[in-house]
PDB file of N, CA and C in Angstrom:
ATOM      1  N   MET A   1      14.265  -6.977  17.395  1.00  0.00           N
ATOM      2  CA  MET A   1      13.853  -6.946  16.085  1.00  0.00           C
ATOM      3  C   MET A   1      14.911  -6.265  15.200  1.00  0.00           C
ATOM      4  N   ASN A   2      15.503  -6.898  14.391  1.00  0.00           N
ATOM      5  CA  ASN A   2      16.681  -6.418  13.608  1.00  0.00           C
ATOM      6  C   ASN A   2      16.230  -5.885  12.113  1.00  0.00           C
ATOM      7  N   GLU A   3      15.054  -6.348  11.679  1.00  0.00           N
ATOM      8  CA  GLU A   3      14.636  -5.850  10.386  1.00  0.00           C
ATOM      9  C   GLU A   3      13.190  -5.520  10.578  1.00  0.00           C
ATOM     10  N   PHE A   4      12.923  -4.311   9.630  1.00  0.00           N
ATOM     11  CA  PHE A   4      11.564  -3.689   9.523  1.00  0.00           C
ATOM     12  C   PHE A   4      10.630  -4.749   8.912  1.00  0.00           C
ATOM     13  N   PHE A   5      11.217  -4.873   7.523  1.00  0.00           N
ATOM     14  CA  PHE A   5      10.478  -5.651   6.602  1.00  0.00           C
ATOM     15  C   PHE A   5      11.347  -7.200   6.306  1.00  0.00           C
ATOM     16  N   THR A   6      10.632  -8.156   6.281  1.00  0.00           N
ATOM     17  CA  THR A   6      11.190  -9.379   5.953  1.00  0.00           C
ATOM     18  C   THR A   6      10.303 -10.041   4.889  1.00  0.00           C
ATOM     19  N   TRP A   7      10.799 -10.960   3.873  1.00  0.00           N
ATOM     20  CA  TRP A   7      10.010 -11.519   2.875  1.00  0.00           C
ATOM     21  C   TRP A   7       8.639 -12.178   3.439  1.00  0.00           C
ATOM     22  N   SER A   8       8.738 -12.932   4.483  1.00  0.00           N
ATOM     23  CA  SER A   8       7.761 -13.303   4.944  1.00  0.00           C
ATOM     24  C   SER A   8       6.569 -12.453   5.599  1.00  0.00           C
ATOM     25  N   PHE A   9       7.005 -11.236   6.127  1.00  0.00           N
ATOM     26  CA  PHE A   9       6.276 -10.255   6.618  1.00  0.00           C
ATOM     27  C   PHE A   9       5.612  -9.576   5.295  1.00  0.00           C
ATOM     28  N   LEU A  10       6.302  -9.238   4.230  1.00  0.00           N
ATOM     29  CA  LEU A  10       5.933  -8.725   3.023  1.00  0.00           C
ATOM     30  C   LEU A  10       4.900  -9.786   2.233  1.00  0.00           C
ATOM     31  N   GLY A  11       4.896 -10.992   2.454  1.00  0.00           N
ATOM     32  CA  GLY A  11       3.935 -11.932   2.043  1.00  0.00           C
ATOM     33  C   GLY A  11       2.579 -11.963   2.781  1.00  0.00           C
ATOM     34  N   SER A  12       2.570 -11.351   3.879  1.00  0.00           N
ATOM     35  CA  SER A  12       1.374 -11.564   4.543  1.00  0.00           C
ATOM     36  C   SER A  12       0.507 -10.115   4.175  1.00  0.00           C
ATOM     37  N   PHE A  13      -0.729 -10.297   4.539  1.00  0.00           N
ATOM     38  CA  PHE A  13      -1.730  -9.199   3.943  1.00  0.00           C
ATOM     39  C   PHE A  13      -1.338  -7.848   4.726  1.00  0.00           C
ATOM     40  N   ALA A  14      -1.051  -8.007   6.094  1.00  0.00           N
ATOM     41  CA  ALA A  14      -0.687  -6.715   6.673  1.00  0.00           C
ATOM     42  C   ALA A  14       0.489  -6.109   6.204  1.00  0.00           C
ATOM     43  N   GLY A  15       1.478  -7.069   6.053  1.00  0.00           N
ATOM     44  CA  GLY A  15       2.794  -6.394   5.737  1.00  0.00           C
ATOM     45  C   GLY A  15       2.822  -5.826   4.246  1.00  0.00           C
ATOM     46  N   CYS A  16       2.247  -6.577   3.285  1.00  0.00           N
ATOM     47  CA  CYS A  16       2.150  -6.019   1.981  1.00  0.00           C
ATOM     48  C   CYS A  16       1.250  -4.849   1.960  1.00  0.00           C
ATOM     49  N   THR A  17       0.254  -4.781   2.575  1.00  0.00           N
ATOM     50  CA  THR A  17      -0.648  -3.453   2.832  1.00  0.00           C
ATOM     51  C   THR A  17       0.203  -2.464   3.369  1.00  0.00           C
ATOM     52  N   ALA A  18       1.033  -2.593   4.269  1.00  0.00           N
ATOM     53  CA  ALA A  18       1.626  -1.480   4.740  1.00  0.00           C
ATOM     54  C   ALA A  18       2.891  -0.940   3.935  1.00  0.00           C
ATOM     55  N   ALA A  19       3.397  -1.899   3.194  1.00  0.00           N
ATOM     56  CA  ALA A  19       4.709  -1.611   2.508  1.00  0.00           C
ATOM     57  C   ALA A  19       4.149  -0.883   1.388  1.00  0.00           C
ATOM     58  N   THR A  20       3.000  -1.381   0.719  1.00  0.00           N
ATOM     59  CA  THR A  20       2.198  -0.590  -0.505  1.00  0.00           C
ATOM     60  C   THR A  20       1.906   0.758  -0.128  1.00  0.00           C
ATOM     61  N   ALA A  21       1.421   1.055   1.095  1.00  0.00           N
ATOM     62  CA  ALA A  21       0.865   2.267   1.442  1.00  0.00           C
ATOM     63  C   ALA A  21       2.130   3.289   1.611  1.00  0.00           C
ATOM     64  N   ILE A  22       3.139   2.739   2.006  1.00  0.00           N
ATOM     65  CA  ILE A  22       4.257   3.681   2.409  1.00  0.00           C
ATOM     66  C   ILE A  22       4.973   3.915   1.166  1.00  0.00           C
ATOM     67  N   ILE A  23       5.246   2.855   0.353  1.00  0.00           N
ATOM     68  CA  ILE A  23       6.018   3.093  -0.887  1.00  0.00           C
ATOM     69  C   ILE A  23       5.279   4.024  -1.786  1.00  0.00           C
ATOM     70  N   THR A  24       3.826   3.650  -1.890  1.00  0.00           N
ATOM     71  CA  THR A  24       3.104   4.488  -2.758  1.00  0.00           C
ATOM     72  C   THR A  24       3.197   6.103  -2.436  1.00  0.00           C
ATOM     73  N   GLN A  25       2.936   6.398  -1.127  1.00  0.00           N
ATOM     74  CA  GLN A  25       3.043   7.714  -0.852  1.00  0.00           C
ATOM     75  C   GLN A  25       4.327   8.354  -1.151  1.00  0.00           C
ATOM     76  N   PHE A  26       5.366   7.525  -1.023  1.00  0.00           N
ATOM     77  CA  PHE A  26       6.901   8.050  -1.208  1.00  0.00           C
ATOM     78  C   PHE A  26       7.085   8.514  -2.611  1.00  0.00           C
ATOM     79  N   ILE A  27       6.461   7.555  -3.632  1.00  0.00           N
ATOM     80  CA  ILE A  27       6.910   7.800  -4.893  1.00  0.00           C
ATOM     81  C   ILE A  27       5.910   8.373  -5.766  1.00  0.00           C
ATOM     82  N   LYS A  28       4.576   8.519  -5.235  1.00  0.00           N
ATOM     83  CA  LYS A  28       3.638   8.889  -6.225  1.00  0.00           C
ATOM     84  C   LYS A  28       3.785  10.401  -6.687  1.00  0.00           C
ATOM     85  N   ASN A  29       4.581  11.204  -6.185  1.00  0.00           N
ATOM     86  CA  ASN A  29       4.672  12.486  -6.709  1.00  0.00           C
ATOM     87  C   ASN A  29       6.231  12.706  -7.493  1.00  0.00           C
ATOM     88  N   LEU A  30       6.800  11.508  -8.084  1.00  0.00           N
ATOM     89  CA  LEU A  30       8.009  11.652  -8.792  1.00  0.00           C
ATOM     90  C   LEU A  30       7.577  11.935 -10.181  1.00  0.00           C
ATOM     91  N   ASN A  31       8.330  12.636 -10.960  1.00  0.00           N
ATOM     92  CA  ASN A  31       8.124  13.088 -12.321  1.00  0.00           C
ATOM     93  C   ASN A  31       7.686  11.916 -13.270  1.00  0.00           C
ATOM     94  N   PRO A  32       8.241  10.943 -13.249  1.00  0.00           N
ATOM     95  CA  PRO A  32       7.625   9.792 -14.318  1.00  0.00           C
ATOM     96  C   PRO A  32       6.643   9.155 -14.029  1.00  0.00           C
ATOM     97  N   ILE A  33       6.050   9.108 -12.646  1.00  0.00           N
ATOM     98  CA  ILE A  33       5.094   8.370 -11.913  1.00  0.00           C
ATOM     99  C   ILE A  33       3.758   9.241 -11.734  1.00  0.00           C
ATOM    100  N   LYS A  34       4.007  10.474 -11.530  1.00  0.00           N
ATOM    101  CA  LYS A  34       2.807  11.316 -10.887  1.00  0.00           C
ATOM    102  C   LYS A  34       1.738  11.487 -11.871  1.00  0.00           C
ATOM    103  N   ARG A  35       1.833  11.000 -13.216  1.00  0.00           N
ATOM    104  CA  ARG A  35       0.914  11.068 -14.161  1.00  0.00           C
ATOM    105  C   ARG A  35      -0.048   9.700 -14.086  1.00  0.00           C
ATOM    106  N   ILE A  36       0.482   8.863 -13.249  1.00  0.00           N
ATOM    107  CA  ILE A  36      -0.293   7.536 -13.251  1.00  0.00           C
ATOM    108  C   ILE A  36      -1.229   7.900 -12.074  1.00  0.00           C
ATOM    109  N   PRO A  37      -2.476   7.161 -12.097  1.00  0.00           N
ATOM    110  CA  PRO A  37      -3.268   7.452 -10.910  1.00  0.00           C
ATOM    111  C   PRO A  37      -2.635   6.512  -9.736  1.00  0.00           C
ATOM    112  N   THR A  38      -2.881   7.238  -8.336  1.00  0.00           N
ATOM    113  CA  THR A  38      -2.394   6.516  -7.349  1.00  0.00           C
ATOM    114  C   THR A  38      -2.751   5.161  -7.121  1.00  0.00           C
ATOM    115  N   GLN A  39      -4.207   4.670  -7.486  1.00  0.00           N
ATOM    116  CA  GLN A  39      -4.615   3.578  -7.218  1.00  0.00           C
ATOM    117  C   GLN A  39      -3.948   2.301  -8.068  1.00  0.00           C
ATOM    118  N   TRP A  40      -3.497   2.697  -9.228  1.00  0.00           N
ATOM    119  CA  TRP A  40      -2.776   1.947 -10.310  1.00  0.00           C
ATOM    120  C   TRP A  40      -1.317   1.825  -9.636  1.00  0.00           C
ATOM    121  N   ILE A  41      -0.771   2.770  -9.025  1.00  0.00           N
ATOM    122  CA  ILE A  41       0.580   2.638  -8.534  1.00  0.00           C
ATOM    123  C   ILE A  41       0.589   1.582  -7.484  1.00  0.00           C
ATOM    124  N   SER A  42      -0.546   1.724  -6.566  1.00  0.00           N
ATOM    125  CA  SER A  42      -0.226   0.855  -5.440  1.00  0.00           C
ATOM    126  C   SER A  42      -0.736  -0.450  -5.869  1.00  0.00           C
ATOM    127  N   TYR A  43      -1.679  -0.776  -6.965  1.00  0.00           N
ATOM    128  CA  TYR A  43      -1.914  -2.128  -7.536  1.00  0.00           C
ATOM    129  C   TYR A  43      -0.385  -2.663  -8.199  1.00  0.00           C
ATOM    130  N   PHE A  44       0.151  -1.971  -8.773  1.00  0.00           N
ATOM    131  CA  PHE A  44       1.399  -2.576  -9.407  1.00  0.00           C
ATOM    132  C   PHE A  44       2.685  -2.741  -8.287  1.00  0.00           C
ATOM    133  N   LEU A  45       2.577  -1.789  -7.296  1.00  0.00           N
ATOM    134  CA  LEU A  45       3.461  -2.124  -6.386  1.00  0.00           C
ATOM    135  C   LEU A  45       3.219  -3.510  -5.528  1.00  0.00           C
ATOM    136  N   SER A  46       1.887  -3.480  -5.096  1.00  0.00           N
ATOM    137  CA  SER A  46       1.579  -4.767  -4.413  1.00  0.00           C
ATOM    138  C   SER A  46       1.689  -6.091  -5.264  1.00  0.00           C
ATOM    139  N   LEU A  47       1.485  -5.934  -6.440  1.00  0.00           N
ATOM    140  CA  LEU A  47       1.542  -7.119  -7.434  1.00  0.00           C
ATOM    141  C   LEU A  47       3.049  -7.478  -7.519  1.00  0.00           C
ATOM    142  N   ILE A  48       4.107  -6.441  -7.410  1.00  0.00           N
ATOM    143  CA  ILE A  48       5.389  -6.653  -7.531  1.00  0.00           C
ATOM    144  C   ILE A  48       5.937  -7.442  -6.145  1.00  0.00           C
ATOM    145  N   LEU A  49       5.452  -6.556  -5.050  1.00  0.00           N
ATOM    146  CA  LEU A  49       5.771  -7.024  -3.689  1.00  0.00           C
ATOM    147  C   LEU A  49       5.325  -8.520  -3.416  1.00  0.00           C
ATOM    148  N   LEU A  50       4.056  -8.778  -3.834  1.00  0.00           N
ATOM    149  CA  LEU A  50       3.564 -10.264  -3.731  1.00  0.00           C
ATOM    150  C   LEU A  50       4.343 -11.425  -4.370  1.00  0.00           C
ATOM    151  N   TYR A  51       4.685 -11.076  -5.855  1.00  0.00           N
ATOM    152  CA  TYR A  51       5.348 -11.971  -6.670  1.00  0.00           C
ATOM    153  C   TYR A  51       6.701 -12.188  -5.806  1.00  0.00           C
ATOM    154  N   LEU A  52       7.404 -11.074  -5.425  1.00  0.00           N
ATOM    155  CA  LEU A  52       8.481 -11.215  -4.821  1.00  0.00           C
ATOM    156  C   LEU A  52       8.701 -11.952  -3.660  1.00  0.00           C
ATOM    157  N   ALA A  53       7.876 -11.601  -2.900  1.00  0.00           N
ATOM    158  CA  ALA A  53       7.713 -12.406  -1.434  1.00  0.00           C
ATOM    159  C   ALA A  53       7.335 -13.781  -1.642  1.00  0.00           C
ATOM    160  N   THR A  54       6.457 -14.094  -2.390  1.00  0.00           N
ATOM    161  CA  THR A  54       6.222 -15.515  -2.653  1.00  0.00           C
ATOM    162  C   THR A  54       7.360 -16.297  -3.300  1.00  0.00           C
ATOM    163  N   TYR A  55       8.023 -15.732  -4.193  1.00  0.00           N
ATOM    164  CA  TYR A  55       9.234 -16.263  -4.974  1.00  0.00           C
ATOM    165  C   TYR A  55      10.302 -16.433  -3.738  1.00  0.00           C
ATOM    166  N   PHE A  56      10.648 -15.636  -2.918  1.00  0.00           N
ATOM    167  CA  PHE A  56      11.580 -15.699  -1.883  1.00  0.00           C
ATOM    168  C   PHE A  56      11.103 -16.617  -0.665  1.00  0.00           C
ATOM    169  N   THR A  57       9.928 -16.970  -0.408  1.00  0.00           N
ATOM    170  CA  THR A  57       9.629 -17.647   0.627  1.00  0.00           C
ATOM    171  C   THR A  57       9.223 -19.172   0.384  1.00  0.00           C
ATOM    172  N   VAL A  58       7.993 -19.216  -0.236  1.00  0.00           N
ATOM    173  CA  VAL A  58       7.520 -20.688  -0.444  1.00  0.00           C
ATOM    174  C   VAL A  58       7.607 -21.028  -1.824  1.00  0.00           C
ATOM    175  N   GLY A  59       8.243 -20.191  -2.863  1.00  0.00           N
ATOM    176  CA  GLY A  59       8.496 -20.621  -4.220  1.00  0.00           C
ATOM    177  C   GLY A  59       7.410 -20.267  -5.099  1.00  0.00           C
ATOM    178  N   LEU A  60       7.437 -19.884  -6.275  1.00  0.00           N
ATOM    179  CA  LEU A  60       6.469 -19.218  -7.180  1.00  0.00           C
ATOM    180  C   LEU A  60       5.848 -20.313  -8.064  1.00  0.00           C
ATOM    181  N   THR A  61       4.763 -20.967  -7.699  1.00  0.00           N
ATOM    182  CA  THR A  61       4.271 -22.060  -8.456  1.00  0.00           C
ATOM    183  C   THR A  61       3.150 -21.415  -9.334  1.00  0.00           C
ATOM    184  N   GLY A  62       2.638 -22.197 -10.435  1.00  0.00           N
ATOM    185  CA  GLY A  62       1.527 -21.768 -11.294  1.00  0.00           C
ATOM    186  C   GLY A  62       0.400 -21.256 -10.311  1.00  0.00           C
ATOM    187  N   MET A  63       0.009 -22.054  -9.528  1.00  0.00           N
ATOM    188  CA  MET A  63      -1.210 -21.886  -8.860  1.00  0.00           C
ATOM    189  C   MET A  63      -1.018 -20.634  -7.904  1.00  0.00           C
ATOM    190  N   GLU A  64       0.341 -20.429  -7.374  1.00  0.00           N
ATOM    191  CA  GLU A  64       0.347 -19.088  -6.486  1.00  0.00           C
ATOM    192  C   GLU A  64       0.529 -18.004  -7.593  1.00  0.00           C
ATOM    193  N   ALA A  65       1.025 -17.938  -8.593  1.00  0.00           N
ATOM    194  CA  ALA A  65       1.104 -16.842  -9.667  1.00  0.00           C
ATOM    195  C   ALA A  65      -0.202 -16.706 -10.028  1.00  0.00           C
ATOM    196  N   ALA A  66      -1.182 -17.507 -10.202  1.00  0.00           N
ATOM    197  CA  ALA A  66      -2.443 -17.065 -10.800  1.00  0.00           C
ATOM    198  C   ALA A  66      -3.127 -16.381  -9.719  1.00  0.00           C
ATOM    199  N   ILE A  67      -3.110 -16.695  -8.334  1.00  0.00           N
ATOM    200  CA  ILE A  67      -4.015 -15.729  -7.395  1.00  0.00           C
ATOM    201  C   ILE A  67      -3.213 -14.594  -7.157  1.00  0.00           C
ATOM    202  N   ILE A  68      -2.175 -14.458  -7.296  1.00  0.00           N
ATOM    203  CA  ILE A  68      -1.555 -12.910  -6.816  1.00  0.00           C
ATOM    204  C   ILE A  68      -2.319 -11.766  -7.412  1.00  0.00           C
ATOM    205  N   PRO A  69      -2.498 -11.774  -8.724  1.00  0.00           N
ATOM    206  CA  PRO A  69      -3.118 -10.337  -9.259  1.00  0.00           C
ATOM    207  C   PRO A  69      -4.405 -10.235  -8.506  1.00  0.00           C
ATOM    208  N   PHE A  70      -5.205 -11.145  -7.952  1.00  0.00           N
ATOM    209  CA  PHE A  70      -6.568 -10.865  -7.301  1.00  0.00           C
ATOM    210  C   PHE A  70      -6.296 -10.449  -5.763  1.00  0.00           C
ATOM    211  N   ASN A  71      -5.152 -11.184  -4.969  1.00  0.00           N
ATOM    212  CA  ASN A  71      -4.734 -10.799  -3.786  1.00  0.00           C
ATOM    213  C   ASN A  71      -4.225  -9.280  -3.950  1.00  0.00           C
ATOM    214  N   ALA A  72      -3.417  -8.906  -5.031  1.00  0.00           N
ATOM    215  CA  ALA A  72      -3.203  -7.396  -5.059  1.00  0.00           C
ATOM    216  C   ALA A  72      -3.982  -6.560  -5.174  1.00  0.00           C
ATOM    217  N   ILE A  73      -5.161  -6.870  -5.650  1.00  0.00           N
ATOM    218  CA  ILE A  73      -6.235  -5.976  -5.846  1.00  0.00           C
ATOM    219  C   ILE A  73      -6.676  -5.636  -4.342  1.00  0.00           C
ATOM    220  N   LEU A  74      -6.944  -6.625  -3.446  1.00  0.00           N
ATOM    221  CA  LEU A  74      -7.411  -6.453  -2.352  1.00  0.00           C
ATOM    222  C   LEU A  74      -6.397  -5.564  -1.385  1.00  0.00           C
ATOM    223  N   ILE A  75      -5.028  -5.802  -1.716  1.00  0.00           N
ATOM    224  CA  ILE A  75      -4.078  -5.010  -0.921  1.00  0.00           C
ATOM    225  C   ILE A  75      -3.866  -3.673  -1.301  1.00  0.00           C
ATOM    226  N   ALA A  76      -4.039  -3.251  -2.517  1.00  0.00           N
ATOM    227  CA  ALA A  76      -4.161  -2.014  -3.137  1.00  0.00           C
ATOM    228  C   ALA A  76      -5.433  -1.339  -2.669  1.00  0.00           C
ATOM    229  N   LEU A  77      -6.537  -2.018  -2.768  1.00  0.00           N
ATOM    230  CA  LEU A  77      -7.680  -1.097  -2.168  1.00  0.00           C
ATOM    231  C   LEU A  77      -7.504  -1.010  -0.687  1.00  0.00           C
ATOM    232  N   SER A  78      -6.888  -1.826   0.075  1.00  0.00           N
ATOM    233  CA  SER A  78      -6.764  -1.717   1.561  1.00  0.00           C
ATOM    234  C   SER A  78      -5.701  -0.427   1.850  1.00  0.00           C
ATOM    235  N   ALA A  79      -4.616  -0.546   1.158  1.00  0.00           N
ATOM    236  CA  ALA A  79      -3.580   0.455   1.210  1.00  0.00           C
ATOM    237  C   ALA A  79      -4.091   1.749   0.831  1.00  0.00           C
ATOM    238  N   ASN A  80      -4.845   2.114  -0.210  1.00  0.00           N
ATOM    239  CA  ASN A  80      -5.282   3.171  -0.563  1.00  0.00           C
ATOM    240  C   ASN A  80      -6.442   3.722   0.418  1.00  0.00           C
ATOM    241  N   GLY A  81      -7.435   2.652   1.001  1.00  0.00           N
ATOM    242  CA  GLY A  81      -8.500   2.933   2.112  1.00  0.00           C
ATOM    243  C   GLY A  81      -7.822   3.307   3.309  1.00  0.00           C
ATOM    244  N   ALA A  82      -6.859   2.971   3.850  1.00  0.00           N
ATOM    245  CA  ALA A  82      -6.029   3.194   4.919  1.00  0.00           C
ATOM    246  C   ALA A  82      -5.611   4.632   4.891  1.00  0.00           C
ATOM    247  N   PHE A  83      -4.931   4.850   3.874  1.00  0.00           N
ATOM    248  CA  PHE A  83      -4.446   6.221   3.623  1.00  0.00           C
ATOM    249  C   PHE A  83      -5.511   7.308   3.613  1.00  0.00           C
ATOM    250  N   SER A  84      -6.537   6.964   2.851  1.00  0.00           N
ATOM    251  CA  SER A  84      -7.685   7.992   2.809  1.00  0.00           C
ATOM    252  C   SER A  84      -8.405   8.187   4.160  1.00  0.00           C
ATOM    253  N   ALA A  85      -8.420   7.018   4.990  1.00  0.00           N
ATOM    254  CA  ALA A  85      -8.993   7.214   6.101  1.00  0.00           C
ATOM    255  C   ALA A  85      -8.117   8.054   7.013  1.00  0.00           C
ATOM    256  N   VAL A  86      -6.837   7.955   7.143  1.00  0.00           N
ATOM    257  CA  VAL A  86      -6.102   8.793   7.903  1.00  0.00           C
ATOM    258  C   VAL A  86      -6.069  10.196   7.455  1.00  0.00           C
ATOM    259  N   ALA A  87      -6.082  10.418   6.058  1.00  0.00           N
ATOM    260  CA  ALA A  87      -6.261  11.733   5.508  1.00  0.00           C
ATOM    261  C   ALA A  87      -7.510  12.477   5.913  1.00  0.00           C
ATOM    262  N   ARG A  88      -8.573  11.959   5.951  1.00  0.00           N
ATOM    263  CA  ARG A  88      -9.947  12.280   6.328  1.00  0.00           C
ATOM    264  C   ARG A  88      -9.964  12.688   7.697  1.00  0.00           C
ATOM    265  N   VAL A  89      -9.376  11.824   8.766  1.00  0.00           N
ATOM    266  CA  VAL A  89      -9.179  11.996  10.166  1.00  0.00           C
ATOM    267  C   VAL A  89      -8.385  13.403  10.388  1.00  0.00           C
ATOM    268  N   GLY A  90      -7.278  13.530   9.558  1.00  0.00           N
ATOM    269  CA  GLY A  90      -6.559  14.684   9.603  1.00  0.00           C
ATOM    270  C   GLY A  90      -7.232  15.931   9.190  1.00  0.00           C
ATOM    271  N   ALA A  91      -7.790  15.787   8.188  1.00  0.00           N
ATOM    272  CA  ALA A  91      -8.681  16.998   7.756  1.00  0.00           C
ATOM    273  C   ALA A  91      -9.768  17.392   8.576  1.00  0.00           C
ATOM    274  N   SER A  92     -10.427  16.390   9.384  1.00  0.00           N
ATOM    275  CA  SER A  92     -11.571  16.587   9.994  1.00  0.00           C
ATOM    276  C   SER A  92     -11.151  17.244  11.360  1.00  0.00           C
ATOM    277  N   GLY A  93      -9.900  16.995  11.711  1.00  0.00           N
ATOM    278  CA  GLY A  93      -9.341  17.561  13.008  1.00  0.00           C
ATOM    279  C   GLY A  93      -8.999  18.844  12.845  1.00  0.00           C
ATOM    280  N   LYS A  94      -8.379  19.209  11.650  1.00  0.00           N
ATOM    281  CA  LYS A  94      -7.917  20.495  11.255  1.00  0.00           C
ATOM    282  C   LYS A  94      -9.146  21.484  11.039  1.00  0.00           C
ATOM    283  N   LYS A  95     -10.163  20.978  10.398  1.00  0.00           N
ATOM    284  CA  LYS A  95     -11.427  21.836  10.367  1.00  0.00           C
ATOM    285  C   LYS A  95     -11.919  22.204  11.729  1.00  0.00           C
ATOM    286  N   THR A  96     -12.010  21.082  12.696  1.00  0.00           N
ATOM    287  CA  THR A  96     -12.504  21.377  14.139  1.00  0.00           C
ATOM    288  C   THR A  96     -11.633  22.358  14.655  1.00  0.00           C
ATOM    289  N   LYS A  97     -10.258  22.336  14.612  1.00  0.00           N
ATOM    290  CA  LYS A  97      -9.502  23.228  15.378  1.00  0.00           C
ATOM    291  C   LYS A  97      -9.699  24.669  14.662  1.00  0.00           C
ATOM    292  N   ASP A  98      -9.599  24.660  13.428  1.00  0.00           N
ATOM    293  CA  ASP A  98      -9.948  25.817  12.634  1.00  0.00           C
ATOM    294  C   ASP A  98     -11.406  26.642  13.105  1.00  0.00           C
ATOM    295  N   THR A  99     -12.174  25.776  13.256  1.00  0.00           N
ATOM    296  CA  THR A  99     -13.568  26.291  13.514  1.00  0.00           C
ATOM    297  C   THR A  99     -13.693  26.953  14.895  1.00  0.00           C
ATOM    298  N   GLN A 100     -13.073  26.205  15.655  1.00  0.00           N
ATOM    299  CA  GLN A 100     -12.974  26.536  17.163  1.00  0.00           C
ATOM    300  C   GLN A 100     -12.158  27.814  17.364  1.00  0.00           C
ATOM    301  N   HIS A 101     -11.239  28.101  16.647  1.00  0.00           N
ATOM    302  CA  HIS A 101     -10.553  29.351  16.901  1.00  0.00           C
ATOM    303  C   HIS A 101     -11.012  30.456  16.072  1.00  0.00           C
ATOM    304  N   GLY A 102     -11.789  29.997  15.052  1.00  0.00           N
ATOM    305  CA  GLY A 102     -12.499  31.092  14.373  1.00  0.00           C
ATOM    306  C   GLY A 102     -13.828  31.610  15.049  1.00  0.00           C
ATOM    307  N   SER A 103     -14.175  31.078  15.919  1.00  0.00           N
ATOM    308  CA  SER A 103     -15.603  31.493  16.592  1.00  0.00           C
ATOM    309  C   SER A 103     -15.230  32.671  17.442  1.00  0.00           C
TER     310      SER A 103
END
């Protein structure tokens, strides 16, 4: 595998969700962006990624362009949910370790 991301992978649900989650976490604390809620950042990122991936793979038609905003909602929610789940697991593991050591 020579490439981590390809346009066709970014056009898939899994690929766009992964890229959205990674890029959101990377840029959400940048000065001009950190005032924007993370959910909106991930939505706009997924929207941009889907439009670009569609344009560069199958071509952007009117029908494709109309459905992308709805697909972007699903991807943004999935990306935010995946990060929240990982954060919760990490937090619960830390509490368990701290509780065990504190006893």
